[in-house]
Protein backbone atom coordinates (compact mmCIF):
# COMPACT_ATOMS: atom_id res chain seq x y z
CA MET A 1 0.00 0.00 0.00
CA LEU A 2 1.25 3.46 -0.90
CA LEU A 3 0.75 6.07 1.86
CA VAL A 4 0.77 9.74 0.90
CA ASN A 5 1.09 12.77 3.14
CA PRO A 6 -0.03 15.91 1.22
CA ARG A 7 1.72 19.26 1.21
CA TYR A 8 1.17 21.85 3.92
CA ASN A 9 1.98 25.32 2.62
CA TRP A 10 4.07 26.62 5.49
CA TRP A 11 7.78 26.76 6.11
CA TRP A 12 8.11 24.04 8.76
CA SER A 13 7.73 20.30 8.18
CA VAL A 14 6.96 17.56 10.69
CA ALA A 15 7.05 13.80 10.11
CA PRO A 16 3.47 12.42 9.79
CA PHE A 17 3.38 10.06 12.77
CA GLY A 18 -0.26 9.15 12.03
CA LEU A 19 0.72 7.60 8.71
CA GLY A 20 3.64 6.01 10.54
CA TRP A 21 1.21 4.15 12.80
CA ILE A 22 -0.87 3.07 9.78
CA ALA A 23 2.34 1.75 8.21
CA THR A 24 3.11 -0.26 11.35
CA SER A 25 -0.37 -1.84 11.20
CA LEU A 26 0.26 -2.83 7.58
CA GLU A 27 3.69 -4.27 8.34
CA ARG A 28 2.15 -6.51 10.98
CA LEU A 29 0.00 -7.99 8.20
CA GLY A 30 3.09 -8.74 6.14
CA ILE A 31 2.37 -5.82 3.81
CA ARG A 32 5.32 -3.62 2.87
CA PRO A 33 4.03 -0.04 2.73
CA LYS A 34 5.77 2.86 1.06
CA VAL A 35 5.42 6.44 2.30
CA ILE A 36 5.68 9.53 0.11
CA ASP A 37 5.68 12.67 2.23
CA CYS A 38 4.99 15.52 -0.18
CA GLN A 39 6.24 18.01 2.43
CA VAL A 40 9.82 16.90 1.92
CA THR A 41 9.77 15.06 -1.44
CA ARG A 42 10.76 16.80 -4.65
CA ASN A 43 8.81 15.87 -7.78
CA TYR A 44 6.35 13.99 -5.58
CA LYS A 45 3.80 13.56 -8.38
CA ARG A 46 6.37 11.72 -10.48
CA ARG A 47 7.27 9.58 -7.46
CA ILE A 48 3.59 8.76 -6.92
CA ILE A 49 3.04 7.75 -10.56
CA GLU A 50 6.15 5.55 -10.56
CA SER A 51 4.94 3.86 -7.36
CA LEU A 52 1.44 3.09 -8.63
CA ARG A 53 2.82 0.26 -10.78
CA ASP A 54 3.55 -1.67 -7.59
CA TYR A 55 0.82 -0.40 -5.26
CA PRO A 56 -2.83 -0.90 -6.31
CA THR A 57 -4.09 0.88 -3.17
CA VAL A 58 -3.20 4.42 -2.06
CA GLY A 59 -3.95 5.90 1.34
CA ILE A 60 -4.07 9.70 1.67
CA SER A 61 -4.27 11.38 5.08
CA SER A 62 -5.49 14.96 5.41
CA THR A 63 -6.19 17.81 7.80
CA ILE A 64 -7.86 21.13 7.01
CA GLY A 65 -4.36 22.44 6.36
CA THR A 66 -3.66 19.89 3.62
CA ILE A 67 -7.06 19.15 2.07
CA SER A 68 -6.39 21.19 -1.10
CA SER A 69 -3.22 19.23 -1.74
CA ALA A 70 -4.97 15.94 -0.87
CA LEU A 71 -7.72 16.59 -3.43
CA GLU A 72 -5.18 17.58 -6.06
CA ILE A 73 -3.22 14.37 -5.47
CA ALA A 74 -6.38 12.23 -5.51
CA SER A 75 -7.50 13.82 -8.81
CA PHE A 76 -4.02 13.29 -10.25
CA ILE A 77 -4.16 9.59 -9.35
CA ARG A 78 -7.69 9.25 -10.79
CA GLN A 79 -6.53 10.74 -14.09
CA ASN A 80 -3.37 8.68 -14.42
CA SER A 81 -4.41 5.40 -12.80
CA PRO A 82 -8.22 5.05 -12.77
CA LYS A 83 -8.14 1.50 -11.36
CA THR A 84 -6.13 2.45 -8.27
CA ARG A 85 -8.17 2.19 -5.07
CA ILE A 86 -7.97 5.42 -3.07
CA ILE A 87 -8.57 5.43 0.69
CA MET A 88 -8.67 8.77 2.49
CA GLY A 89 -8.55 9.38 6.22
CA GLY A 90 -7.75 11.91 8.91
CA PRO A 91 -9.81 14.54 10.72
CA HIS A 92 -10.90 16.48 7.67
CA PRO A 93 -11.97 13.55 5.47
CA THR A 94 -13.85 12.16 8.49
CA ALA A 95 -15.83 15.41 8.61
CA ILE A 96 -16.55 15.74 4.88
CA TYR A 97 -16.65 12.12 3.65
CA ASP A 98 -19.84 12.74 1.70
CA LYS A 99 -18.04 15.33 -0.45
CA LEU A 100 -15.12 12.99 -1.22
CA LEU A 101 -17.02 9.93 -2.42
CA PRO A 102 -16.78 8.82 -5.19
CA ARG A 103 -14.96 11.60 -7.03
CA TYR A 104 -11.81 11.67 -4.90
CA ALA A 105 -11.91 8.42 -2.96
CA ASP A 106 -13.39 4.94 -2.98
CA ILE A 107 -13.32 4.64 0.82
CA VAL A 108 -13.02 7.13 3.66
CA VAL A 109 -11.82 5.94 7.06
CA LEU A 110 -13.85 7.56 9.82
CA GLY A 111 -11.92 8.23 13.03
CA GLU A 112 -8.89 6.27 14.23
CA GLY A 113 -7.54 4.21 11.38
CA GLU A 114 -5.13 1.53 12.63
CA ASP A 115 -7.68 -1.24 13.16
CA THR A 116 -9.81 -0.14 10.22
CA ILE A 117 -6.95 -0.27 7.71
CA THR A 118 -6.03 -3.72 9.00
CA GLU A 119 -9.52 -5.00 8.21
CA LEU A 120 -9.69 -3.16 4.88
CA MET A 121 -6.59 -4.98 3.67
CA GLN A 122 -8.09 -8.36 4.70
CA GLU A 123 -11.88 -8.14 4.33
CA LYS A 124 -13.38 -7.73 0.86
CA ASP A 125 -16.96 -7.22 2.04
CA LEU A 126 -16.95 -3.53 2.94
CA SER A 127 -20.35 -3.75 4.60
CA LYS A 128 -18.75 -5.73 7.44
CA ILE A 129 -16.06 -3.16 8.28
CA LYS A 130 -16.80 -0.62 11.00
CA GLY A 131 -15.57 2.93 10.72
CA ILE A 132 -15.76 3.55 6.98
CA ALA A 133 -17.84 5.35 4.39
CA TYR A 134 -17.66 4.04 0.83
CA TRP A 135 -19.31 4.18 -2.56
CA ASP A 136 -21.26 1.21 -3.84
CA GLY A 137 -23.49 2.80 -6.43
CA SER A 138 -24.60 5.10 -3.65
CA LEU A 139 -23.08 6.47 -0.45
CA LYS A 140 -22.76 3.87 2.31
CA VAL A 141 -21.82 4.79 5.89
CA ASN A 142 -21.05 2.00 8.32
CA GLU A 143 -21.28 2.02 12.10
CA ARG A 144 -18.45 3.94 13.76
CA ARG A 145 -15.63 1.93 15.30
CA PRO A 146 -15.01 2.23 19.06
CA LEU A 147 -11.97 4.22 20.12
CA ILE A 148 -8.76 2.27 20.63
CA GLU A 149 -8.45 1.85 24.40
CA ASP A 150 -5.02 0.21 24.64
CA LEU A 151 -2.66 2.52 22.76
CA ASP A 152 0.37 0.43 23.70
CA ARG A 153 -0.76 -2.37 21.38
CA LEU A 154 -0.26 -0.10 18.37
CA GLY A 155 3.51 -0.29 18.75
CA PHE A 156 5.54 2.66 17.43
CA PRO A 157 5.13 4.59 14.17
CA ALA A 158 7.24 3.06 11.39
CA TRP A 159 9.99 5.64 11.75
CA HIS A 160 12.32 3.61 9.51
CA LEU A 161 10.20 4.67 6.53
CA PHE A 162 11.08 8.35 7.00
CA ASP A 163 14.29 10.29 6.46
CA LEU A 164 14.07 12.20 9.74
CA LYS A 165 16.90 14.57 8.86
CA ARG A 166 14.78 16.19 6.15
CA TYR A 167 12.24 17.71 8.54
CA ARG A 168 12.67 21.31 9.69
CA SER A 169 11.44 23.45 12.56
CA LEU A 170 12.82 26.78 13.78
CA HIS A 171 13.72 25.66 17.29
CA ALA A 172 14.34 21.97 16.80
CA HIS A 173 17.65 20.18 16.89
CA ILE A 174 17.85 17.91 13.84
CA PRO A 175 16.78 15.16 13.66
CA PHE A 176 13.60 15.70 15.62
CA VAL A 177 10.31 13.83 15.72
CA PRO A 178 6.78 14.49 16.92
CA MET A 179 5.38 12.10 19.51
CA ILE A 180 1.88 11.64 20.85
CA THR A 181 1.54 10.08 24.30
CA SER A 182 -2.24 10.29 24.64
CA ARG A 183 -5.37 10.59 22.54
CA GLY A 184 -8.62 12.42 23.17
CA CYS A 185 -9.65 15.58 25.00
CA PRO A 186 -12.39 15.82 27.65
CA TYR A 187 -12.89 19.58 27.27
CA GLN A 188 -15.67 20.91 25.05
CA CYS A 189 -14.24 24.00 23.37
CA ILE A 190 -16.56 24.77 20.46
CA TYR A 191 -13.73 25.47 17.99
CA CYS A 192 -12.07 22.03 18.31
CA THR A 193 -12.82 18.89 16.35
CA LYS A 194 -13.18 15.49 18.05
CA PHE A 195 -13.73 13.54 14.83
CA VAL A 196 -10.73 11.23 15.16
CA HIS A 197 -9.73 10.81 18.80
CA GLY A 198 -12.96 11.72 20.59
CA SER A 199 -13.49 13.14 24.08
CA LYS A 200 -12.15 10.28 26.16
CA MET A 201 -8.52 10.62 27.25
CA ARG A 202 -6.45 7.49 26.68
CA LEU A 203 -2.81 7.20 27.75
CA ARG A 204 0.14 5.22 26.55
CA SER A 205 2.02 3.65 29.45
CA VAL A 206 5.15 5.36 30.69
CA GLU A 207 7.09 2.19 29.83
CA ASN A 208 5.82 2.29 26.25
CA VAL A 209 6.73 5.96 25.77
CA LEU A 210 10.15 5.42 27.32
CA SER A 211 10.80 2.48 24.99
CA GLU A 212 9.99 4.62 21.94
CA ILE A 213 12.28 7.39 23.15
CA ASP A 214 15.09 4.86 23.60
CA TYR A 215 14.41 3.46 20.11
CA LEU A 216 14.44 6.91 18.49
CA VAL A 217 17.67 7.96 20.17
CA ASN A 218 19.61 4.74 19.61
CA SER A 219 18.32 3.85 16.13
CA PHE A 220 18.03 7.28 14.50
CA GLY A 221 20.13 9.64 16.60
CA VAL A 222 17.10 11.81 17.41
CA LYS A 223 18.10 14.95 19.30
CA GLU A 224 14.68 16.43 20.04
CA ILE A 225 11.17 15.12 20.62
CA GLN A 226 8.17 17.38 20.31
CA ILE A 227 5.16 16.12 22.25
CA VAL A 228 1.99 17.01 20.32
CA ASP A 229 -0.72 15.92 22.75
CA ASP A 230 -3.75 18.17 23.13
CA ASN A 231 -3.56 17.95 26.95
CA PHE A 232 -0.09 16.80 27.92
CA THR A 233 -0.44 17.44 31.67
CA PHE A 234 -4.07 16.36 32.09
CA TYR A 235 -3.03 13.37 34.22
CA GLN A 236 -0.47 15.02 36.47
CA SER A 237 0.72 11.85 38.22
CA TRP A 238 1.43 10.27 34.82
CA VAL A 239 3.48 13.26 33.65
CA LYS A 240 5.48 13.22 36.89
CA GLU A 241 6.19 9.51 36.49
CA LEU A 242 7.30 10.05 32.89
CA CYS A 243 9.64 12.89 33.84
CA VAL A 244 11.22 10.93 36.70
CA SER A 245 11.74 7.97 34.34
CA ILE A 246 13.41 10.16 31.71
CA ILE A 247 15.65 11.74 34.36
CA THR A 248 16.61 8.30 35.69
CA LYS A 249 17.27 6.91 32.21
CA ASP A 250 19.44 9.93 31.27
CA PHE A 251 19.25 10.28 27.48
CA ASN A 252 22.40 12.41 27.36
CA GLY A 253 21.21 15.83 26.22
CA LEU A 254 17.98 14.84 24.49
CA ARG A 255 15.66 17.84 24.31
CA PHE A 256 11.88 17.97 24.53
CA VAL A 257 9.08 20.39 23.70
CA SER A 258 5.77 19.96 25.50
CA GLY A 259 2.40 19.46 23.90
CA GLY A 260 -0.59 21.61 24.72
CA ILE A 261 -0.91 22.57 28.40
CA ARG A 262 -3.95 24.10 30.10
CA ALA A 263 -2.84 26.75 32.55
CA ASP A 264 -5.12 25.40 35.29
CA ASN A 265 -3.81 21.85 35.07
CA VAL A 266 -0.13 22.21 35.96
CA ASP A 267 1.97 23.35 38.92
CA LEU A 268 5.50 24.23 40.01
CA GLU A 269 6.46 20.60 40.66
CA ILE A 270 5.52 19.55 37.14
CA PHE A 271 7.33 22.48 35.50
CA SER A 272 10.43 21.74 37.59
CA LEU A 273 10.37 18.08 36.60
CA LEU A 274 9.87 18.96 32.94
CA LYS A 275 12.93 21.19 33.07
CA LYS A 276 15.06 18.50 34.75
CA ALA A 277 13.88 15.91 32.20
CA GLY A 278 15.18 17.99 29.29
CA PHE A 279 12.12 20.01 28.29
CA TYR A 280 13.19 23.49 27.22
CA LEU A 281 9.92 24.83 25.77
CA VAL A 282 6.31 24.48 26.92
CA ASN A 283 3.18 25.38 24.95
CA ILE A 284 0.31 26.96 26.85
CA GLY A 285 -3.07 27.56 25.23
CA VAL A 286 -4.44 31.00 26.09
CA GLU A 287 -6.66 31.69 23.06
CA SER A 288 -8.27 34.96 24.25
CA GLY A 289 -7.63 37.84 26.61
CA SER A 290 -11.35 38.13 27.34
CA GLU A 291 -12.75 35.89 30.07
CA ASP A 292 -16.22 36.43 28.63
CA VAL A 293 -15.12 35.00 25.27
CA LEU A 294 -13.25 32.14 26.97
CA ASN A 295 -16.38 31.19 28.90
CA LYS A 296 -18.65 31.36 25.86
CA VAL A 297 -16.38 29.20 23.67
CA GLY A 298 -16.03 26.55 26.40
CA LYS A 299 -12.41 27.25 27.41
CA ALA A 300 -13.54 28.58 30.83
CA ILE A 301 -10.28 29.64 32.45
CA LYS A 302 -9.30 32.70 34.49
CA LEU A 303 -6.81 35.18 33.05
CA ASP A 304 -5.13 35.58 36.44
CA LYS A 305 -4.50 31.83 36.51
CA ILE A 306 -2.96 31.94 33.04
CA LYS A 307 -0.57 34.74 34.05
CA GLU A 308 0.33 32.99 37.30
CA THR A 309 1.08 29.70 35.54
CA ILE A 310 3.27 31.36 32.91
CA ASN A 311 5.26 33.12 35.62
CA ILE A 312 5.76 29.81 37.43
CA ALA A 313 6.98 28.16 34.23
CA LYS A 314 9.41 31.01 33.58
CA SER A 315 10.74 30.78 37.15
CA THR A 316 12.00 27.25 36.41
CA GLY A 317 13.97 28.40 33.37
CA LEU A 318 11.57 27.07 30.75
CA GLU A 319 10.79 28.96 27.55
CA VAL A 320 7.07 29.58 27.12
CA ARG A 321 5.10 29.76 23.90
CA ALA A 322 1.51 30.96 24.31
CA ALA A 323 -1.18 30.44 21.66
CA PHE A 324 -3.81 33.07 20.84
CA MET A 325 -6.65 33.27 18.33
CA PHE A 326 -8.36 36.27 16.79
CA GLY A 327 -11.85 35.97 15.36
CA LEU A 328 -13.25 33.50 17.86
CA PRO A 329 -17.02 33.24 18.17
CA PHE A 330 -18.30 36.15 20.29
CA ASP A 331 -15.15 38.18 19.59
CA THR A 332 -15.42 41.91 18.89
CA LYS A 333 -12.80 44.46 17.98
CA GLU A 334 -12.64 45.34 21.67
CA THR A 335 -12.12 41.75 22.87
CA MET A 336 -9.46 41.13 20.22
CA LEU A 337 -7.59 44.20 21.44
CA GLN A 338 -7.90 42.78 24.95
CA THR A 339 -6.24 39.62 23.64
CA LEU A 340 -3.37 41.63 22.15
CA ASN A 341 -2.87 43.63 25.35
CA PHE A 342 -3.02 40.51 27.48
CA ALA A 343 -0.39 38.83 25.30
CA LYS A 344 1.91 41.84 25.73
CA SER A 345 1.46 41.67 29.50
CA LEU A 346 2.69 38.06 29.71
CA ALA A 347 6.30 36.98 30.24
CA VAL A 348 6.24 34.66 27.23
CA ASP A 349 9.08 34.07 24.80
CA ASN A 350 6.86 33.46 21.82
CA ALA A 351 3.25 34.35 21.01
CA ALA A 352 1.65 32.10 18.39
CA PHE A 353 -1.04 34.38 16.98
CA GLY A 354 -3.54 32.76 14.65
CA ILE A 355 -6.90 33.51 13.06
CA ALA A 356 -9.65 31.20 14.26
CA VAL A 357 -10.95 28.67 11.74
CA PRO A 358 -14.46 27.17 11.96
CA PHE A 359 -13.78 23.50 11.22
CA PRO A 360 -16.65 21.76 9.43
CA GLY A 361 -18.70 19.80 11.95
CA THR A 362 -17.83 21.92 14.99
CA ALA A 363 -20.24 24.15 16.90
CA PHE A 364 -18.13 27.11 15.72
CA TYR A 365 -18.84 26.13 12.11
CA GLU A 366 -22.59 25.96 12.76
CA ILE A 367 -22.53 29.40 14.43
CA VAL A 368 -20.89 30.87 11.34
CA ARG A 369 -23.27 29.13 8.96
CA ASN A 370 -26.29 30.39 10.90
CA LYS A 371 -25.14 33.90 11.84
CA GLY A 372 -22.31 34.76 9.49
CA ARG A 373 -20.78 34.18 6.08
CA LEU A 374 -18.12 31.71 5.03
CA LEU A 375 -15.69 33.44 2.66
CA GLU A 376 -14.24 30.15 1.43
CA ASP A 377 -15.49 26.61 1.01
CA LEU A 378 -13.78 25.22 4.09
CA ALA A 379 -14.69 21.67 3.16
CA MET A 380 -12.59 21.71 0.00
CA ASN A 381 -9.92 24.33 0.60
CA SER A 382 -6.88 24.32 2.85
CA VAL A 383 -6.63 26.87 5.62
CA CYS A 384 -3.55 27.96 7.55
CA PHE A 385 -4.03 29.55 10.96
CA TYR A 386 -1.09 31.85 10.31
CA SER A 387 -1.91 33.04 6.79
CA GLY A 388 -3.33 36.32 8.05
CA LYS A 389 -6.59 35.68 6.23
CA SER A 390 -9.99 35.29 7.86
CA VAL A 391 -12.24 32.71 6.23
CA TYR A 392 -15.49 34.04 7.67
CA GLU A 393 -17.18 37.18 8.94
CA THR A 394 -20.41 38.29 10.58
CA ASP A 395 -22.33 41.56 10.48
CA ALA A 396 -20.72 42.47 13.80
CA LEU A 397 -17.21 41.17 13.05
CA LYS A 398 -15.74 41.86 9.62
CA ALA A 399 -12.87 39.89 8.10
CA LYS A 400 -10.85 43.08 7.58
CA ASP A 401 -11.06 43.84 11.31
CA ILE A 402 -9.88 40.36 12.28
CA GLU A 403 -7.00 40.52 9.79
CA GLY A 404 -6.05 44.05 10.82
CA ILE A 405 -5.75 43.18 14.50
CA TYR A 406 -3.86 39.99 13.63
CA ARG A 407 -1.23 42.04 11.76
CA LYS A 408 -1.18 44.66 14.49
CA ALA A 409 -0.64 41.97 17.15
CA ARG A 410 2.35 40.42 15.41
CA ARG A 411 4.01 43.78 14.96
CA GLN A 412 3.27 45.22 18.38
CA PHE A 413 4.24 42.04 20.21
CA TYR A 414 7.49 41.25 18.40
CA PHE A 415 8.83 44.71 17.68
CA ARG A 416 9.46 45.60 21.30
CA PRO A 417 12.94 45.80 22.89
CA SER A 418 12.23 42.81 25.14
CA GLN A 419 11.25 40.65 22.18
CA PHE A 420 14.22 41.80 20.09
CA TRP A 421 16.46 40.64 22.92
CA ARG A 422 14.77 37.25 22.97
CA ALA A 423 15.16 36.99 19.19
CA ILE A 424 18.87 37.76 19.41
CA ASN A 425 19.27 34.92 21.89
CA LEU A 426 17.24 32.49 19.80
CA LYS A 427 19.28 29.47 18.84
CA ILE A 428 18.52 28.42 15.26
CA SER A 429 19.13 24.73 14.69
CA SER A 430 20.08 24.92 11.00
CA ILE A 431 21.68 27.55 8.76
CA SER A 432 19.05 26.66 6.14
CA LEU A 433 16.36 28.16 8.39
CA ILE A 434 17.85 31.68 8.32
CA PRO A 435 16.23 32.66 4.97
CA ARG A 436 12.90 31.42 6.29
CA LEU A 437 13.30 33.46 9.47
CA ILE A 438 14.08 36.55 7.36
CA LYS A 439 10.95 35.93 5.30
CA TYR A 440 8.91 35.53 8.48
CA GLY A 441 10.22 38.86 9.74
CA TYR A 442 9.38 40.48 6.39
CA ASP A 443 5.84 39.10 6.64
CA LEU A 444 5.50 40.56 10.12
CA LEU A 445 6.27 44.00 8.76
CA PHE A 446 4.74 44.06 5.33
CA TYR A 447 2.10 41.34 5.00
CA ARG A 448 -1.01 42.44 3.17
CA ARG A 449 -3.94 40.33 2.07
């Protein structure tokens, strides 16, 4: 089976661990998968066409950030190899499966795909396979598959299928990999999608995570691991046990970046242990500087708690990146300015400003459809949080206002003496990233829609 990761039009690139887990499931069946990651592969269309001679089935994974590329690749395969079976999966195809069948895909995997792909490669009667939508003269949608409870049984992503040195991130020491240690999120923020991993938190065991770290370091020379969990510190006792295990194991300079952290679900002890374990950067989701907006979108967290938590993290020597969104439901020009001013008041090293995107299938999306206007077909077009472009507006909140405050925020936050000093001290992992950093700085100053 040929597995394809579409292009994401931004300057960083991260190995697609989700496809890596699918590849592991296939290898356990005795199937030898091939992965083409279009993020890091030159002439990827030619590589795909050459591969189709040996692979009658193609799997394409997609998010809202890569759906345009995924559709382009699927159309390209349809035109050049009409008999090839195309399977699509990921959060975005799960949300819009009815728009993909049969033009772009023969089958869409709904939700977590490891068990489903295993059955698809063994069972010819599609009506018996849970967790898929498919085309059989008409649209067929089977019963959803239960979430995978025991994540340890999945093994590790098939990292041997990737050239890890080809992936780039501004901070990361090369080679670096993303790692997910849990799935699911119990919070009900109306802008988030739960299509793949659901609301129930499921954890890998500390032993399983530690084994993968050991494998990555000893087999591939990995120098940094970026945890990409939605709620990395949700189970505090688990995080503490993991940190103590990493400290005891001593991976000799291995660096870590944390996944998403809620400011009301972490304390000084955890931050101290993260620092001792080799974490140098933590990501804290703030989203808005208006408590009223935070309450209405389901985030429900106090601004004083956010500031306190960031100060605690900084006191341990950790770098802090805080995430903010402009154009959330219930935002106004005034609340977005509150977000900007709150960001400037925080002792963070990096502010990740983005423009909120109403994912199809979320409550946010329904609010926009009922009370606003979508400016793009979000089902069929890629969206980047950091493009500076709003994809919706309402009578009370215009796209130009969202975009204007987004640009203002990036300039006002970064072009301050304190932030210049932090930028001077920023350690760039690769000389090849310097042109990208210059372009990013140019965009900060001169970006226009």
